[in-house]
Amino acid sequence: MAKIVGAAGAHAGKQSVAAFKKMFATVLIVVAAIAFAEGVMLTSLVTLRGRLSWYLIPAGVGLLMVRIVRIANVRVKKHETDRMTWRKGALGEYEVRAELERLPDDYLVFNDVSTQEFGNFDHIMVGPKGIFAIETKNWTGLIGTNAAGEVTRNGKPLWRSHIRMLERKVMMLREQILVLTRRDDLFIRGLMVFPKAYIEAGGKTRNIHCLTVERLYDYFDKCPKRLQPNEVERIARVVKSIADINSEGPELPTPSVIQTRPPEVSAWSMEQGAKSRERERCFPLVDF
């Protein structure tokens, strides 16, 4: 069984809780505003009887509260949608993690890798077959591609360029690992895994491979071997050093993997290394 570092879905879980808190805060604010408005209306009805304000103030407060409730209703629906989306994403990450656990014990899987430089990775797998940056999309429907190599859902384009974003993140991760390991070349593949959706055959998404979760194990099994055991451990130490991992205790890898840090490299050295390789291809293409 593969060594596991970090809790799958931790980032998505936190975002789901944050969305719930925002929704709850919105409801509380609306309730407080309604209570205050009722107090104003009752006070005006008692103290301003017979005056023009006796009619205008309650009417104005009532119209204002209708407007506030409508705005609050829109925000509550948005927060609830966000909460369910993040929760669904977390469940998808759990499924992918369970599949990655089936890999042999010479693989290391880093879950929910948060970095300051290039955002969050759902999973980073390091093993004899290379390095794989995995993004989970717990979508439903039919996943295809358009002429630009971007994913589509049920034949419709998406408002965000998911393939291009993952390519950029993987490129930045590769450059940093290259500098920290002082290597000249390194294979790293970006994967987009869909636990629930169907993937249309024949589509091409540039350098990102799209898979269903059922095909994930066989995909790694067919990859050629690229790294020796000492290279796997060294790269795993680098991944740990650049990531903020939420560890799960008993599932941590061996102490040599998580406690030994690579040599410090200055920001200037990293920048120069990135510039020297900026025209290289990020993903060597291989036919499986």
Protein backbone atom coordinates (compact mmCIF):
# COMPACT_ATOMS: atom_id res chain seq x y z
CA MET A 1 0.00 0.00 0.00
CA ALA A 2 1.29 3.46 -0.88
CA LYS A 3 2.54 5.77 1.88
CA ILE A 4 0.07 8.58 2.50
CA VAL A 5 0.88 12.08 3.72
CA GLY A 6 -1.85 14.60 4.48
CA ALA A 7 -5.63 14.49 4.70
CA ALA A 8 -7.50 14.24 1.41
CA GLY A 9 -10.14 16.92 0.96
CA ALA A 10 -8.90 19.07 3.85
CA HIS A 11 -8.83 22.26 1.78
CA ALA A 12 -12.24 21.56 0.25
CA GLY A 13 -13.63 20.73 3.68
CA LYS A 14 -12.41 24.04 5.12
CA GLN A 15 -13.93 25.94 2.22
CA SER A 16 -17.24 24.14 2.74
CA VAL A 17 -17.26 25.09 6.44
CA ALA A 18 -16.36 28.69 5.54
CA ALA A 19 -19.28 28.85 3.10
CA PHE A 20 -21.63 27.53 5.80
CA LYS A 21 -20.41 30.16 8.26
CA LYS A 22 -21.03 32.90 5.70
CA MET A 23 -24.53 31.59 5.07
CA PHE A 24 -25.25 31.38 8.81
CA ALA A 25 -23.90 34.92 9.38
CA THR A 26 -26.10 36.25 6.58
CA VAL A 27 -29.18 34.69 8.16
CA LEU A 28 -28.33 36.14 11.58
CA ILE A 29 -27.83 39.62 10.14
CA VAL A 30 -31.18 39.46 8.37
CA VAL A 31 -32.96 38.27 11.53
CA ALA A 32 -31.38 41.08 13.53
CA ALA A 33 -32.33 43.63 10.86
CA ILE A 34 -35.94 42.40 10.81
CA ALA A 35 -36.17 42.57 14.60
CA PHE A 36 -34.82 46.14 14.54
CA ALA A 37 -37.23 47.12 11.77
CA GLU A 38 -40.19 45.71 13.69
CA GLY A 39 -39.16 47.75 16.71
CA VAL A 40 -38.99 50.93 14.58
CA MET A 41 -42.39 50.24 13.04
CA LEU A 42 -44.06 49.53 16.40
CA THR A 43 -42.51 52.64 17.95
CA SER A 44 -43.68 54.82 15.06
CA LEU A 45 -47.19 53.39 15.20
CA VAL A 46 -47.44 54.17 18.91
CA THR A 47 -45.77 57.61 19.03
CA LEU A 48 -46.75 59.11 15.68
CA ARG A 49 -50.43 58.27 15.53
CA GLY A 50 -52.37 60.80 13.47
CA ARG A 51 -49.31 62.25 11.71
CA LEU A 52 -48.11 61.74 8.16
CA SER A 53 -45.00 59.97 9.46
CA TRP A 54 -47.32 57.38 10.98
CA TYR A 55 -47.89 56.10 7.42
CA LEU A 56 -44.56 56.88 5.77
CA ILE A 57 -42.12 55.38 8.26
CA PRO A 58 -43.69 51.88 8.42
CA ALA A 59 -44.10 51.87 4.65
CA GLY A 60 -40.47 52.91 4.07
CA VAL A 61 -39.14 50.41 6.59
CA GLY A 62 -41.25 47.66 5.05
CA LEU A 63 -39.96 48.35 1.54
CA LEU A 64 -36.39 48.44 2.82
CA MET A 65 -36.78 45.11 4.56
CA VAL A 66 -38.23 43.51 1.43
CA ARG A 67 -35.14 44.67 -0.44
CA ILE A 68 -32.78 43.37 2.25
CA VAL A 69 -34.51 39.98 2.37
CA ARG A 70 -34.24 39.59 -1.42
CA ILE A 71 -30.52 40.40 -1.41
CA ALA A 72 -29.96 38.09 1.55
CA ASN A 73 -31.84 35.29 -0.18
CA VAL A 74 -29.54 35.54 -3.21
CA ARG A 75 -26.45 35.46 -0.99
CA VAL A 76 -27.71 32.52 1.07
CA LYS A 77 -28.34 30.52 -2.11
CA LYS A 78 -24.85 31.35 -3.37
CA HIS A 79 -23.20 30.32 -0.10
CA GLU A 80 -25.22 27.10 -0.02
CA THR A 81 -24.22 26.31 -3.61
CA ASP A 82 -20.57 26.94 -2.74
CA ARG A 83 -20.86 24.77 0.36
CA MET A 84 -22.30 21.85 -1.58
CA THR A 85 -19.74 22.26 -4.39
CA TRP A 86 -16.81 22.17 -1.96
CA ARG A 87 -18.34 19.25 -0.07
CA LYS A 88 -18.81 17.34 -3.31
CA GLY A 89 -15.20 18.09 -4.22
CA ALA A 90 -13.99 16.74 -0.88
CA LEU A 91 -15.92 13.50 -1.41
CA GLY A 92 -14.32 13.13 -4.82
CA GLU A 93 -10.85 13.58 -3.33
CA TYR A 94 -11.60 10.81 -0.82
CA GLU A 95 -12.41 8.45 -3.70
CA VAL A 96 -9.21 9.30 -5.56
CA ARG A 97 -7.16 8.88 -2.38
CA ALA A 98 -8.66 5.42 -1.82
CA GLU A 99 -7.61 4.43 -5.33
CA LEU A 100 -4.09 5.82 -4.88
CA GLU A 101 -3.70 3.84 -1.66
CA ARG A 102 -3.78 0.67 -3.75
CA LEU A 103 -0.40 1.51 -5.28
CA PRO A 104 2.68 -0.40 -4.02
CA ASP A 105 4.57 0.77 -0.94
CA ASP A 106 7.33 2.42 -3.00
CA TYR A 107 4.89 5.21 -3.91
CA LEU A 108 4.23 8.29 -1.80
CA VAL A 109 0.97 10.21 -2.08
CA PHE A 110 0.78 13.77 -0.75
CA ASN A 111 -2.84 14.84 -0.27
CA ASP A 112 -4.10 18.42 -0.22
CA VAL A 113 -0.76 20.07 -0.95
CA SER A 114 -1.06 23.82 -0.28
CA THR A 115 1.70 26.06 -1.61
CA GLN A 116 2.10 29.82 -1.46
CA GLU A 117 3.61 30.03 -4.93
CA PHE A 118 1.13 28.13 -7.08
CA GLY A 119 -1.94 27.25 -5.07
CA ASN A 120 -3.38 23.93 -3.97
CA PHE A 121 -2.86 20.46 -5.43
CA ASP A 122 -5.40 17.80 -4.54
CA HIS A 123 -2.76 15.07 -4.75
CA ILE A 124 0.90 14.77 -5.71
CA MET A 125 2.12 11.23 -6.30
CA VAL A 126 5.85 10.41 -6.32
CA GLY A 127 7.01 6.94 -7.27
CA PRO A 128 9.12 4.84 -9.64
CA LYS A 129 6.88 5.88 -12.56
CA GLY A 130 7.58 9.58 -12.01
CA ILE A 131 5.77 12.53 -10.46
CA PHE A 132 2.07 13.12 -11.02
CA ALA A 133 0.11 16.21 -10.02
CA ILE A 134 -3.52 15.14 -9.71
CA GLU A 135 -6.59 17.35 -9.67
CA THR A 136 -9.95 15.82 -8.81
CA LYS A 137 -13.12 17.02 -10.53
CA ASN A 138 -16.17 15.42 -8.96
CA TRP A 139 -18.43 16.41 -11.83
CA THR A 140 -21.24 14.49 -13.48
CA GLY A 141 -22.15 14.19 -17.14
CA LEU A 142 -20.01 13.76 -20.25
CA ILE A 143 -16.53 15.28 -20.28
CA GLY A 144 -15.15 16.16 -23.70
CA THR A 145 -12.72 18.60 -25.29
CA ASN A 146 -12.95 21.55 -27.64
CA ALA A 147 -10.63 22.63 -30.46
CA ALA A 148 -8.35 24.47 -28.01
CA GLY A 149 -7.81 21.33 -25.90
CA GLU A 150 -9.94 22.57 -22.99
CA VAL A 151 -12.43 20.32 -21.23
CA THR A 152 -16.13 20.68 -21.92
CA ARG A 153 -19.05 19.40 -19.87
CA ASN A 154 -22.02 17.90 -21.68
CA GLY A 155 -20.78 19.57 -24.85
CA LYS A 156 -20.72 23.05 -23.33
CA PRO A 157 -17.59 25.15 -22.69
CA LEU A 158 -16.70 26.04 -19.11
CA TRP A 159 -16.19 29.58 -17.85
CA ARG A 160 -12.73 28.69 -16.51
CA SER A 161 -9.74 27.25 -18.42
CA HIS A 162 -9.15 24.25 -16.15
CA ILE A 163 -6.55 22.58 -18.39
CA ARG A 164 -4.49 25.74 -18.82
CA MET A 165 -4.60 26.47 -15.10
CA LEU A 166 -3.38 22.98 -14.20
CA GLU A 167 -0.65 23.18 -16.84
CA ARG A 168 0.61 26.42 -15.34
CA LYS A 169 0.62 25.01 -11.81
CA VAL A 170 2.45 21.86 -12.90
CA MET A 171 5.03 23.88 -14.80
CA MET A 172 5.79 26.01 -11.75
CA LEU A 173 5.98 22.92 -9.52
CA ARG A 174 8.36 21.25 -11.95
CA GLU A 175 10.67 24.26 -12.13
CA GLN A 176 10.92 24.47 -8.35
CA ILE A 177 11.60 20.74 -7.94
CA LEU A 178 14.27 20.93 -10.66
CA VAL A 179 16.08 23.72 -8.83
CA LEU A 180 15.85 22.11 -5.39
CA THR A 181 17.00 18.69 -6.63
CA ARG A 182 19.62 20.23 -8.98
CA ARG A 183 18.46 18.09 -11.86
CA ASP A 184 18.58 18.92 -15.54
CA ASP A 185 15.34 17.19 -16.47
CA LEU A 186 12.33 15.74 -14.72
CA PHE A 187 9.15 14.02 -15.81
CA ILE A 188 5.98 15.34 -14.24
CA ARG A 189 2.51 14.70 -15.56
CA GLY A 190 -0.68 16.56 -14.79
CA LEU A 191 -3.75 14.37 -14.37
CA MET A 192 -7.39 15.37 -14.10
CA VAL A 193 -9.43 12.58 -12.48
CA PHE A 194 -13.23 12.32 -12.63
CA PRO A 195 -14.82 9.97 -10.06
CA LYS A 196 -18.40 10.40 -11.37
CA ALA A 197 -18.27 11.66 -14.97
CA TYR A 198 -17.90 9.84 -18.28
CA ILE A 199 -14.98 10.81 -20.52
CA GLU A 200 -15.51 11.09 -24.26
CA ALA A 201 -13.02 8.99 -26.21
CA GLY A 202 -10.66 10.59 -28.71
CA GLY A 203 -10.40 14.01 -27.09
CA LYS A 204 -7.01 15.65 -26.57
CA THR A 205 -6.28 17.99 -23.67
CA ARG A 206 -2.74 19.02 -24.61
CA ASN A 207 -0.34 17.82 -21.88
CA ILE A 208 -2.96 16.98 -19.23
CA HIS A 209 -4.38 13.46 -19.19
CA CYS A 210 -8.03 13.01 -18.17
CA LEU A 211 -9.07 9.76 -16.51
CA THR A 212 -11.96 8.19 -14.68
CA VAL A 213 -11.09 7.00 -11.19
CA GLU A 214 -11.56 3.38 -12.28
CA ARG A 215 -8.70 3.71 -14.79
CA LEU A 216 -6.27 5.40 -12.42
CA TYR A 217 -4.49 2.29 -11.10
CA ASP A 218 -4.10 0.75 -14.56
CA TYR A 219 -2.80 4.07 -15.88
CA PHE A 220 0.12 4.04 -13.43
CA ASP A 221 0.69 0.34 -14.03
CA LYS A 222 1.27 1.00 -17.76
CA CYS A 223 3.62 3.96 -17.26
CA PRO A 224 7.32 3.26 -17.84
CA LYS A 225 9.68 3.36 -14.88
CA ARG A 226 11.57 6.66 -14.60
CA LEU A 227 12.95 7.04 -11.06
CA GLN A 228 15.22 5.00 -8.85
CA PRO A 229 14.36 4.51 -5.14
CA ASN A 230 16.91 7.11 -3.99
CA GLU A 231 15.48 9.61 -6.49
CA VAL A 232 11.94 8.94 -5.26
CA GLU A 233 12.94 9.65 -1.65
CA ARG A 234 14.89 12.78 -2.56
CA ILE A 235 12.02 14.22 -4.60
CA ALA A 236 9.54 13.31 -1.84
CA ARG A 237 11.64 15.34 0.63
CA VAL A 238 11.50 18.30 -1.76
CA VAL A 239 7.74 18.04 -2.17
CA LYS A 240 7.36 17.96 1.61
CA SER A 241 9.63 20.99 2.00
CA ILE A 242 7.59 23.19 -0.38
CA ALA A 243 4.18 22.03 0.83
CA ASP A 244 2.07 22.72 3.87
CA ILE A 245 0.81 19.22 4.65
CA ASN A 246 -1.98 18.52 7.14
CA SER A 247 -0.60 15.23 8.45
CA GLU A 248 -2.72 12.35 9.65
CA GLY A 249 -0.33 10.76 12.12
CA PRO A 250 -0.13 7.01 11.57
CA GLU A 251 -0.14 7.29 7.80
CA LEU A 252 3.00 9.42 7.60
CA PRO A 253 5.90 7.96 5.60
CA THR A 254 9.23 6.96 7.07
CA PRO A 255 11.13 9.56 9.11
CA SER A 256 13.86 9.82 6.46
CA VAL A 257 11.23 11.11 4.06
CA ILE A 258 9.55 13.73 6.21
CA GLN A 259 12.30 14.97 8.52
CA THR A 260 15.25 15.49 6.19
CA ARG A 261 15.04 18.80 4.36
CA PRO A 262 16.80 19.58 1.09
CA PRO A 263 19.52 22.25 1.03
CA GLU A 264 18.27 25.81 1.14
CA VAL A 265 18.22 27.57 -2.21
CA SER A 266 17.98 31.33 -2.51
CA ALA A 267 15.12 32.99 -4.34
CA TRP A 268 17.65 34.41 -6.83
CA SER A 269 18.95 30.92 -7.65
CA MET A 270 15.43 29.64 -8.17
CA GLU A 271 14.62 32.55 -10.47
CA GLN A 272 17.77 32.00 -12.54
CA GLY A 273 17.06 28.30 -12.81
CA ALA A 274 13.52 28.97 -13.95
CA LYS A 275 14.71 31.46 -16.59
CA SER A 276 17.26 29.04 -17.98
CA ARG A 277 14.55 26.46 -18.62
CA GLU A 278 11.61 28.64 -19.53
CA ARG A 279 11.62 27.43 -23.14
CA GLU A 280 11.83 23.75 -22.32
CA ARG A 281 8.79 21.54 -22.70
CA CYS A 282 7.13 21.00 -19.38
CA PHE A 283 5.75 17.54 -20.11
CA PRO A 284 7.63 14.94 -22.12
CA LEU A 285 4.95 13.14 -24.12
CA VAL A 286 4.78 9.38 -23.86
CA ASP A 287 2.46 6.89 -25.49
CA PHE A 288 0.95 4.36 -23.13
